[in-house]
Amino acid sequence: MNTENLDKSLSNTLPQAIPSSEIITNLQAYVDQGIVKYNIPAMSVAIWKDGVLTQAAAGCLNISTDVEATTDSIFQIGSITKVMTTCLIMQLVDEGKVNLDKPVVHYLRDFMIADADASQSITVRQLLNHTNGIAGDYFPNDEGHQGNLIARFVDRCSSLPLMHPVGEMWSYSNAAFCVAGRLIEVVRGMSWYAAMDEYLFKPLGMAHSIADPKEMIRFRTAMGHVYDGDNTDRWVLPERAFLSIGQAPVGSTPAMSAENLIRFARAHLEGGMNQQGQSWLSPESVKQMQVSHMELPKTSLISDKHTGLGWGMSSYHAGDIKTVGHGGGTVGFLSMLQVVPEQNAAIAILTNGTRPSAIGGITADLLAAVTGLDLQEPEPASETPLVALEKITGDYECLDTLIKVTSTGGKLMANIFYKIDPLPALDVELRHVEGLCPDEPFSFAAYNAKGERCLAIAFLKPNEAGVPQYVFNGGRLSSRIQ
């Protein structure tokens, strides 16, 4: 099936949407509908619920070859890898070889970013919970293919600025996990790739998983797809199959099947035991990864979000449901792993098209199917206070994103320009979400030109004049530049 330009008119012929309560028992039909509904080349899904594994896959792995997606196909998992890199660190903690609260320079003597004081103070724990402050979205494409590219990347981190004071805020940092990966290499005395194979894939029985891209030819492998310029209805192959190879511990190279992601999730559900009943990670380390280290800015009316070690966590008010999880995105891939500890359940979603609405919609559907709860955000009911319009407008920037916030006709608007992600610029209306920040009305839901809710945004750290100095765009902090 050639999906280079999927016929969106097919969505008019779709059968009635499958009720949430029936998705798991009709998972193949749900996946078949999903690739048409969201106009994505392919996806593979696996669900662990009540001791039963359910899998389904559909679509095309590569528009140039028309190879069909199957449940044993491997997709790049992107930043879900960060949880795996964290596990490799926690194994070293279990062995007494790493102390989370020691500075990184205790293990990597030449670790350095542009801020000398921060270079000496950032701890291993702060690498893993994103409170380190390192500007994280640095993706060099001139690294070549010779030597230890992870070590080379960490050396080049010496130019990266500090986004916020160490330990005081949360900002997603890719670069920090490269540093963590290099730390594993130095302490283990082997490459990060070998450590992934020896200490993660093999003990967990993840036979359809790779970290080294040279191994990809051994498997039925998906290729990523990106938009054809600004045409979001047409897919093309990206110029590069991978992000920076030196960022492998961040997620630039690992690929696996959805079922293998469930194997990984089950080890976290089962106290660090693999499916043979052998200890892989201590129960203490499993628990520590899932304990809140910091609450994230409030952007939701139905849940509170926290950071653990590697994992992100959501506590849903309805039903007192807690999830731990992580998403991923690379060149033409989006993925999601969500674990529901109280229900001994997990979902893994792999797609090979860069469409955020697809991964968001599928995740919401499957979480609802697993938990039995309606996890849709209510629509904001209030208008933005005029005083907030004056305070918030301005430009905010980080390495990946430039956000220009303006006030037009009493509405707050934002233009989001992606400097790295293969996405067209996004114009959104910001609608105030009342009741999240009682002191300052600085939390917003963002809506695109089609009226679709697509982002959650919060403005943080107002100065003495009440002007926020940061914008929190779902995960990353951007600093006010004017």
Protein backbone atom coordinates (compact mmCIF):
# COMPACT_ATOMS: atom_id res chain seq x y z
CA MET A 1 0.00 0.00 0.00
CA ASN A 2 1.69 3.21 -1.11
CA THR A 3 0.97 5.87 1.51
CA GLU A 4 3.05 8.71 0.11
CA ASN A 5 -0.13 10.69 -0.29
CA LEU A 6 -2.85 8.91 1.66
CA ASP A 7 -6.34 9.62 0.40
CA LYS A 8 -7.97 11.55 3.24
CA SER A 9 -11.36 10.99 1.61
CA LEU A 10 -11.11 7.43 2.93
CA SER A 11 -11.91 8.83 6.36
CA ASN A 12 -15.46 9.38 5.12
CA THR A 13 -15.82 5.61 4.58
CA LEU A 14 -14.54 4.59 8.02
CA PRO A 15 -16.97 2.57 10.12
CA GLN A 16 -18.25 4.10 13.32
CA ALA A 17 -15.50 4.72 15.85
CA ILE A 18 -14.85 1.78 18.15
CA PRO A 19 -16.10 2.48 21.70
CA SER A 20 -13.35 2.86 24.25
CA SER A 21 -14.47 -0.25 26.13
CA GLU A 22 -14.05 -2.35 22.97
CA ILE A 23 -10.72 -1.04 21.65
CA ILE A 24 -8.54 -3.72 23.24
CA THR A 25 -10.67 -6.60 21.94
CA ASN A 26 -10.82 -4.93 18.51
CA LEU A 27 -7.29 -3.56 18.45
CA GLN A 28 -6.52 -4.52 14.84
CA ALA A 29 -9.65 -2.74 13.61
CA TYR A 30 -8.71 0.30 15.71
CA VAL A 31 -5.22 0.41 14.20
CA ASP A 32 -6.57 -0.09 10.66
CA GLN A 33 -8.88 2.87 11.19
CA GLY A 34 -6.19 4.93 12.89
CA ILE A 35 -3.74 5.10 10.00
CA VAL A 36 -6.54 6.47 7.82
CA LYS A 37 -8.05 8.78 10.43
CA TYR A 38 -4.69 10.39 11.15
CA ASN A 39 -3.22 9.99 7.66
CA ILE A 40 -0.01 8.33 8.90
CA PRO A 41 2.06 5.75 7.01
CA ALA A 42 2.08 3.02 9.67
CA MET A 43 1.75 2.22 13.32
CA SER A 44 2.31 -0.70 15.64
CA VAL A 45 0.60 -0.97 19.03
CA ALA A 46 0.91 -3.36 21.97
CA ILE A 47 -1.16 -3.41 25.18
CA TRP A 48 -0.49 -5.34 28.39
CA LYS A 49 -3.65 -5.63 30.48
CA ASP A 50 -4.85 -8.23 32.99
CA GLY A 51 -1.87 -10.46 32.21
CA VAL A 52 -2.67 -10.55 28.48
CA LEU A 53 -0.67 -9.07 25.59
CA THR A 54 -2.64 -7.68 22.64
CA GLN A 55 -0.86 -6.47 19.49
CA ALA A 56 -1.75 -4.94 16.14
CA ALA A 57 0.04 -3.23 13.26
CA ALA A 58 -0.99 -1.69 9.95
CA GLY A 59 0.28 0.48 7.14
CA CYS A 60 3.47 0.92 5.18
CA LEU A 61 6.96 0.92 6.69
CA ASN A 62 8.55 2.83 3.81
CA ILE A 63 6.76 4.68 1.01
CA SER A 64 9.65 3.86 -1.34
CA THR A 65 9.42 0.10 -0.85
CA ASP A 66 5.77 -0.50 0.14
CA VAL A 67 6.81 -2.99 2.83
CA GLU A 68 3.85 -3.76 5.08
CA ALA A 69 4.03 -3.12 8.82
CA THR A 70 3.77 -6.19 11.05
CA THR A 71 3.85 -6.58 14.83
CA ASP A 72 7.51 -7.68 14.72
CA SER A 73 8.57 -4.61 12.71
CA ILE A 74 10.98 -2.28 14.49
CA PHE A 75 10.48 1.50 14.72
CA GLN A 76 12.78 4.12 16.18
CA ILE A 77 11.61 4.85 19.74
CA GLY A 78 13.30 8.24 20.18
CA SER A 79 13.38 9.62 23.70
CA ILE A 80 11.82 6.58 25.35
CA THR A 81 15.50 5.60 25.23
CA LYS A 82 16.12 8.08 28.07
CA VAL A 83 14.31 5.77 30.47
CA MET A 84 16.56 2.92 29.34
CA THR A 85 19.70 5.01 29.78
CA THR A 86 18.42 5.84 33.25
CA CYS A 87 18.05 2.12 34.00
CA LEU A 88 21.69 1.54 33.04
CA ILE A 89 22.68 4.26 35.51
CA MET A 90 20.45 2.78 38.22
CA GLN A 91 22.08 -0.62 37.76
CA LEU A 92 25.40 1.08 38.52
CA VAL A 93 23.76 2.60 41.60
CA ASP A 94 22.61 -0.88 42.65
CA GLU A 95 26.20 -2.09 42.28
CA GLY A 96 27.57 0.77 44.37
CA LYS A 97 29.53 2.18 41.43
CA VAL A 98 27.56 5.45 41.07
CA ASN A 99 26.10 7.83 43.65
CA LEU A 100 23.23 9.86 42.23
CA ASP A 101 24.06 12.88 44.39
CA LYS A 102 27.71 13.16 43.46
CA PRO A 103 28.63 15.79 40.84
CA VAL A 104 28.98 14.48 37.30
CA VAL A 105 32.62 15.63 37.28
CA HIS A 106 33.37 12.98 39.92
CA TYR A 107 32.91 10.41 37.13
CA LEU A 108 33.63 12.51 34.03
CA ARG A 109 36.57 14.69 35.01
CA ASP A 110 36.43 16.84 31.88
CA PHE A 111 32.64 17.39 31.83
CA MET A 112 31.96 21.04 31.08
CA ILE A 113 29.23 23.37 29.86
CA ALA A 114 29.54 27.10 29.25
CA ASP A 115 28.80 27.93 32.90
CA ALA A 116 31.86 26.95 34.96
CA ASP A 117 30.09 26.85 38.34
CA ALA A 118 27.26 24.71 37.00
CA SER A 119 29.78 22.36 35.43
CA GLN A 120 31.13 21.59 38.89
CA SER A 121 27.80 21.30 40.69
CA ILE A 122 25.41 19.37 38.39
CA THR A 123 24.77 15.94 39.91
CA VAL A 124 24.00 12.62 38.26
CA ARG A 125 20.46 12.81 39.68
CA GLN A 126 19.95 16.20 38.03
CA LEU A 127 20.96 14.75 34.67
CA LEU A 128 18.20 12.14 34.99
CA ASN A 129 15.37 14.36 36.26
CA HIS A 130 15.92 17.32 33.89
CA THR A 131 16.64 19.86 36.63
CA ASN A 132 20.25 20.38 35.46
CA GLY A 133 19.53 23.50 33.41
CA ILE A 134 21.68 22.45 30.43
CA ALA A 135 20.33 23.81 27.13
CA GLY A 136 19.43 20.48 25.63
CA ASP A 137 18.54 20.79 21.97
CA TYR A 138 21.93 20.68 20.33
CA PHE A 139 21.92 18.46 17.24
CA PRO A 140 25.18 18.75 15.24
CA ASN A 141 25.08 17.12 11.82
CA ASP A 142 28.81 17.32 11.08
CA GLU A 143 30.00 14.56 13.39
CA GLY A 144 31.12 12.02 10.78
CA HIS A 145 31.19 8.29 11.51
CA GLN A 146 34.59 7.67 13.08
CA GLY A 147 35.57 7.30 16.73
CA ASN A 148 33.41 7.53 19.84
CA LEU A 149 30.73 9.98 18.76
CA ILE A 150 29.07 10.00 22.19
CA ALA A 151 32.33 11.15 23.79
CA ARG A 152 32.79 13.72 21.05
CA PHE A 153 29.30 15.10 21.62
CA VAL A 154 29.91 15.46 25.36
CA ASP A 155 33.13 17.34 24.63
CA ARG A 156 31.16 19.77 22.46
CA CYS A 157 28.71 20.43 25.30
CA SER A 158 31.26 22.94 26.61
CA SER A 159 29.51 25.56 24.44
CA LEU A 160 26.01 24.95 25.82
CA PRO A 161 24.52 27.69 28.03
CA LEU A 162 22.61 27.26 31.27
CA MET A 163 18.85 27.76 30.81
CA HIS A 164 18.03 28.18 34.51
CA PRO A 165 19.80 27.88 37.87
CA VAL A 166 20.80 24.29 38.57
CA GLY A 167 18.10 22.38 40.46
CA GLU A 168 15.58 25.24 40.59
CA MET A 169 13.41 24.52 37.54
CA TRP A 170 12.55 21.74 35.11
CA SER A 171 13.48 21.91 31.44
CA TYR A 172 13.78 18.92 29.14
CA SER A 173 17.43 18.40 28.27
CA ASN A 174 18.53 16.00 25.55
CA ALA A 175 22.17 16.88 26.05
CA ALA A 176 22.07 15.80 29.70
CA PHE A 177 21.29 12.24 28.69
CA CYS A 178 24.25 12.14 26.33
CA VAL A 179 26.35 12.99 29.37
CA ALA A 180 24.63 10.16 31.25
CA GLY A 181 25.37 7.79 28.40
CA ARG A 182 29.04 8.75 28.42
CA LEU A 183 29.14 8.24 32.19
CA ILE A 184 27.91 4.67 31.64
CA GLU A 185 30.70 4.08 29.13
CA VAL A 186 33.40 5.33 31.49
CA VAL A 187 32.18 3.46 34.58
CA ARG A 188 31.32 0.23 32.72
CA GLY A 189 34.41 0.26 30.52
CA MET A 190 32.35 -0.53 27.43
CA SER A 191 30.39 1.35 24.79
CA TRP A 192 26.86 2.52 25.58
CA TYR A 193 25.68 0.30 22.69
CA ALA A 194 27.27 -2.77 24.29
CA ALA A 195 25.80 -1.84 27.67
CA MET A 196 22.31 -1.59 26.17
CA ASP A 197 22.68 -5.04 24.66
CA GLU A 198 24.35 -6.72 27.65
CA TYR A 199 22.45 -5.10 30.52
CA LEU A 200 19.03 -4.40 29.01
CA PHE A 201 18.08 -6.18 25.78
CA LYS A 202 19.46 -9.63 26.67
CA PRO A 203 18.22 -9.93 30.27
CA LEU A 204 14.75 -8.68 29.30
CA GLY A 205 14.48 -10.94 26.24
CA MET A 206 14.16 -7.98 23.88
CA ALA A 207 15.18 -9.89 20.74
CA HIS A 208 13.61 -7.33 18.37
CA SER A 209 15.56 -4.35 19.69
CA ILE A 210 18.73 -2.60 18.55
CA ALA A 211 20.79 0.33 19.78
CA ASP A 212 23.51 0.25 17.11
CA PRO A 213 22.05 1.29 13.73
CA LYS A 214 24.42 -1.11 11.96
CA GLU A 215 22.15 -3.90 13.25
CA MET A 216 19.03 -2.49 11.60
CA ILE A 217 19.42 -4.53 8.41
CA ARG A 218 18.69 -7.69 10.40
CA PHE A 219 15.06 -6.68 10.99
CA ARG A 220 11.87 -5.63 9.25
CA THR A 221 12.57 -1.94 9.75
CA ALA A 222 10.41 1.16 9.48
CA MET A 223 11.65 4.34 7.85
CA GLY A 224 10.58 7.71 9.20
CA HIS A 225 8.43 10.10 7.18
CA VAL A 226 8.15 13.89 7.37
CA TYR A 227 5.83 16.46 5.86
CA ASP A 228 6.47 17.58 2.30
CA GLY A 229 7.41 21.13 3.26
CA ASP A 230 4.29 22.89 4.52
CA ASN A 231 2.02 20.26 2.96
CA THR A 232 0.98 18.26 6.02
CA ASP A 233 -1.17 15.88 3.93
CA ARG A 234 1.78 14.48 1.97
CA TRP A 235 4.66 12.38 3.30
CA VAL A 236 8.23 12.25 2.03
CA LEU A 237 11.34 10.48 3.28
CA PRO A 238 13.69 12.70 5.30
CA GLU A 239 17.18 13.49 4.05
CA ARG A 240 18.72 11.64 7.00
CA ALA A 241 17.58 8.38 8.56
CA PHE A 242 18.85 9.35 12.03
CA LEU A 243 19.43 12.33 14.21
CA SER A 244 22.97 12.91 15.45
CA ILE A 245 24.50 9.45 16.04
CA GLY A 246 26.45 10.89 18.97
CA GLN A 247 23.12 11.33 20.75
CA ALA A 248 22.32 7.64 20.84
CA PRO A 249 21.79 7.61 24.66
CA VAL A 250 19.18 10.34 24.14
CA GLY A 251 17.29 8.28 21.56
CA SER A 252 18.71 8.98 18.12
CA THR A 253 19.37 5.33 17.18
CA PRO A 254 17.42 2.68 19.19
CA ALA A 255 14.61 0.87 17.40
CA MET A 256 12.40 -2.00 18.50
CA SER A 257 9.01 -3.63 18.26
CA ALA A 258 6.05 -2.53 20.34
CA GLU A 259 6.04 -5.93 22.07
CA ASN A 260 9.64 -5.39 23.18
CA LEU A 261 8.67 -2.05 24.70
CA ILE A 262 6.02 -3.91 26.69
CA ARG A 263 8.70 -6.32 27.96
CA PHE A 264 10.63 -3.31 29.21
CA ALA A 265 7.51 -1.85 30.83
CA ARG A 266 6.65 -5.14 32.52
CA ALA A 267 10.03 -5.18 34.28
CA HIS A 268 9.05 -1.86 35.87
CA LEU A 269 5.61 -3.18 36.78
CA GLU A 270 7.10 -6.30 38.35
CA GLY A 271 9.67 -4.80 40.70
CA GLY A 272 12.64 -5.06 38.37
CA MET A 273 12.16 -8.76 37.55
CA ASN A 274 12.39 -10.08 34.01
CA GLN A 275 9.93 -12.58 32.59
CA GLN A 276 12.07 -15.49 33.82
CA GLY A 277 11.72 -14.25 37.41
CA GLN A 278 15.32 -13.02 37.60
CA SER A 279 16.25 -9.71 39.18
CA TRP A 280 17.26 -7.17 36.56
CA LEU A 281 16.90 -3.91 38.51
CA SER A 282 16.44 -3.59 42.27
CA PRO A 283 12.94 -2.83 43.59
CA GLU A 284 14.46 0.25 45.28
CA SER A 285 15.72 1.61 41.96
CA VAL A 286 12.42 0.89 40.23
CA LYS A 287 10.62 2.79 42.97
CA GLN A 288 13.07 5.69 42.97
CA MET A 289 12.60 6.16 39.24
CA GLN A 290 8.85 6.58 39.84
CA VAL A 291 9.03 8.93 42.85
CA SER A 292 8.35 12.60 42.17
CA HIS A 293 11.49 14.75 42.14
CA MET A 294 9.72 17.94 41.06
CA GLU A 295 6.21 19.01 40.07
CA LEU A 296 6.01 20.46 36.58
CA PRO A 297 4.21 23.74 35.81
CA LYS A 298 0.45 23.32 35.96
CA THR A 299 -1.11 23.18 32.50
CA SER A 300 -3.89 20.61 33.00
CA LEU A 301 -7.25 20.67 34.77
CA ILE A 302 -7.45 16.88 35.03
CA SER A 303 -3.93 15.88 36.12
CA ASP A 304 -0.75 16.95 37.86
CA LYS A 305 2.58 16.18 36.20
CA HIS A 306 5.85 15.34 37.88
CA THR A 307 9.33 14.25 36.92
CA GLY A 308 10.94 11.11 38.26
CA LEU A 309 14.26 9.65 37.15
CA GLY A 310 13.93 9.12 33.42
CA TRP A 311 10.17 8.71 33.67
CA GLY A 312 7.55 11.42 33.51
CA MET A 313 4.48 10.94 35.70
CA SER A 314 0.86 12.04 35.60
CA SER A 315 -1.61 11.83 38.47
CA TYR A 316 -5.18 11.99 37.16
CA HIS A 317 -7.73 13.43 39.55
CA ALA A 318 -10.54 11.16 38.32
CA GLY A 319 -10.18 7.67 39.69
CA ASP A 320 -6.90 8.52 41.40
CA ILE A 321 -5.01 7.04 38.43
CA LYS A 322 -1.23 7.45 38.14
CA THR A 323 0.72 6.83 34.95
CA VAL A 324 4.45 6.77 34.34
CA GLY A 325 5.67 7.14 30.81
CA HIS A 326 7.73 8.78 28.12
CA GLY A 327 7.24 9.79 24.53
CA GLY A 328 9.76 9.91 21.72
CA GLY A 329 10.38 11.69 18.45
CA THR A 330 13.16 11.35 15.90
CA VAL A 331 13.41 12.03 12.17
CA GLY A 332 9.96 11.00 10.99
CA PHE A 333 8.99 8.89 14.02
CA LEU A 334 6.77 9.49 17.06
CA SER A 335 6.32 6.98 19.86
CA MET A 336 4.75 6.61 23.30
CA LEU A 337 5.12 4.26 26.27
CA GLN A 338 2.63 4.61 29.14
CA VAL A 339 2.53 2.41 32.24
CA VAL A 340 -0.38 2.24 34.72
CA PRO A 341 1.13 0.61 37.84
CA GLU A 342 -2.09 0.28 39.85
CA GLN A 343 -3.68 -1.70 37.02
CA ASN A 344 -0.59 -3.71 36.00
CA ALA A 345 -1.06 -2.30 32.52
CA ALA A 346 1.04 -0.70 29.81
CA ILE A 347 0.62 0.60 26.26
CA ALA A 348 3.27 1.00 23.56
CA ILE A 349 2.62 3.03 20.40
CA LEU A 350 5.02 3.32 17.46
CA THR A 351 4.36 5.47 14.36
CA ASN A 352 6.54 6.41 11.39
CA GLY A 353 5.05 9.80 10.57
CA THR A 354 5.69 13.11 12.33
CA ARG A 355 2.10 13.98 13.22
CA PRO A 356 1.77 15.08 16.87
CA SER A 357 -2.04 14.97 16.77
CA ALA A 358 -1.87 11.27 15.91
CA ILE A 359 0.31 10.20 18.82
CA GLY A 360 -1.73 12.41 21.15
CA GLY A 361 -5.07 11.08 20.00
CA ILE A 362 -4.02 7.43 20.00
CA THR A 363 -2.48 7.76 23.46
CA ALA A 364 -5.68 9.30 24.85
CA ASP A 365 -7.81 6.56 23.27
CA LEU A 366 -5.67 3.70 24.58
CA LEU A 367 -5.27 5.13 28.07
CA ALA A 368 -9.03 5.50 28.25
CA ALA A 369 -9.43 1.91 27.05
CA VAL A 370 -7.03 0.65 29.73
CA THR A 371 -8.19 2.79 32.67
CA GLY A 372 -11.89 3.11 31.83
CA LEU A 373 -11.69 6.85 32.41
CA ASP A 374 -12.43 9.82 30.17
CA LEU A 375 -9.08 11.60 30.13
CA GLN A 376 -10.04 14.43 27.77
CA GLU A 377 -9.19 17.93 28.96
CA PRO A 378 -12.21 20.22 29.49
CA GLU A 379 -12.32 23.31 27.34
CA PRO A 380 -11.12 26.52 29.01
CA ALA A 381 -14.06 28.72 29.87
CA SER A 382 -12.51 32.10 30.60
CA GLU A 383 -11.04 34.89 28.53
CA THR A 384 -7.50 36.05 29.09
CA PRO A 385 -7.41 38.95 31.57
CA LEU A 386 -6.30 42.13 29.85
CA VAL A 387 -3.50 42.65 32.33
CA ALA A 388 -2.04 39.29 31.31
CA LEU A 389 -2.01 40.30 27.64
CA GLU A 390 0.28 43.20 28.39
CA LYS A 391 2.62 41.18 30.58
CA ILE A 392 2.99 38.11 28.43
CA THR A 393 3.58 39.50 24.94
CA GLY A 394 7.16 39.25 23.75
CA ASP A 395 9.69 36.85 22.26
CA TYR A 396 10.96 33.71 23.97
CA GLU A 397 13.71 31.44 22.68
CA CYS A 398 15.67 28.25 23.31
CA LEU A 399 17.96 26.24 21.02
CA ASP A 400 15.01 24.46 19.38
CA THR A 401 12.20 27.00 19.37
CA LEU A 402 11.43 30.70 18.87
CA ILE A 403 8.04 31.73 20.25
CA LYS A 404 6.62 35.16 19.41
CA VAL A 405 3.63 36.10 21.58
CA THR A 406 1.42 38.97 20.46
CA SER A 407 -1.93 40.48 21.42
CA THR A 408 -4.44 41.03 18.61
CA GLY A 409 -8.00 42.23 19.16
CA GLY A 410 -8.02 41.13 22.77
CA LYS A 411 -6.70 37.67 21.87
CA LEU A 412 -3.33 36.27 22.80
CA MET A 413 -1.58 34.72 19.80
CA ALA A 414 1.71 32.83 19.45
CA ASN A 415 3.86 31.97 16.46
CA ILE A 416 6.01 28.93 17.22
CA PHE A 417 8.98 28.49 14.91
CA TYR A 418 10.76 25.15 15.16
CA LYS A 419 14.46 25.52 14.44
CA ILE A 420 15.26 21.79 14.66
CA ASP A 421 12.09 19.68 14.65
CA PRO A 422 10.87 18.87 11.10
CA LEU A 423 7.59 20.72 11.61
CA PRO A 424 6.19 23.80 9.87
CA ALA A 425 5.79 26.98 11.93
CA LEU A 426 2.65 26.94 14.02
CA ASP A 427 0.27 29.83 14.65
CA VAL A 428 -1.93 29.32 17.69
CA GLU A 429 -4.45 31.18 19.81
CA LEU A 430 -3.75 31.01 23.54
CA ARG A 431 -6.84 30.61 25.71
CA HIS A 432 -6.51 31.13 29.43
CA VAL A 433 -7.05 28.07 31.62
CA GLU A 434 -8.57 29.42 34.82
CA GLY A 435 -7.90 27.90 38.20
CA LEU A 436 -4.39 26.52 37.64
CA CYS A 437 -2.29 29.45 38.78
CA PRO A 438 -4.26 31.37 41.43
CA ASP A 439 -1.66 34.13 41.78
CA GLU A 440 -1.00 34.80 38.09
CA PRO A 441 -3.22 33.94 35.07
CA PHE A 442 -0.34 32.44 33.12
CA SER A 443 -1.51 28.96 32.00
CA PHE A 444 -2.98 28.51 28.54
CA ALA A 445 -4.33 25.99 26.07
CA ALA A 446 -3.16 26.55 22.49
CA TYR A 447 -5.45 26.12 19.47
CA ASN A 448 -4.38 25.92 15.84
CA ALA A 449 -6.10 27.50 12.84
CA LYS A 450 -8.48 24.52 12.59
CA GLY A 451 -9.66 25.10 16.15
CA GLU A 452 -7.88 21.97 17.40
CA ARG A 453 -6.31 21.98 20.84
CA CYS A 454 -2.65 21.15 20.28
CA LEU A 455 -0.44 22.42 23.12
CA ALA A 456 -0.34 23.42 26.76
CA ILE A 457 1.70 26.52 27.58
CA ALA A 458 2.60 28.24 30.84
CA PHE A 459 4.45 31.49 31.44
CA LEU A 460 6.75 31.34 34.47
CA LYS A 461 8.90 33.32 36.89
CA PRO A 462 7.37 36.83 36.66
CA ASN A 463 9.75 39.63 37.64
CA GLU A 464 8.92 42.49 40.00
CA ALA A 465 6.76 44.04 37.30
CA GLY A 466 4.85 40.80 36.84
CA VAL A 467 6.45 40.05 33.45
CA PRO A 468 7.19 36.32 33.00
CA GLN A 469 10.78 35.46 32.14
CA TYR A 470 10.15 31.98 30.74
CA VAL A 471 7.59 30.14 28.67
CA PHE A 472 7.06 26.43 29.29
CA ASN A 473 6.02 24.83 26.01
CA GLY A 474 5.00 21.36 27.09
CA GLY A 475 8.47 20.42 28.22
CA ARG A 476 11.13 22.93 27.29
CA LEU A 477 11.78 26.32 28.80
CA SER A 478 12.35 29.24 26.47
CA SER A 479 13.78 32.44 27.95
CA ARG A 480 12.35 35.88 27.29
CA ILE A 481 14.64 37.72 24.89
CA GLN A 482 12.51 40.87 24.55
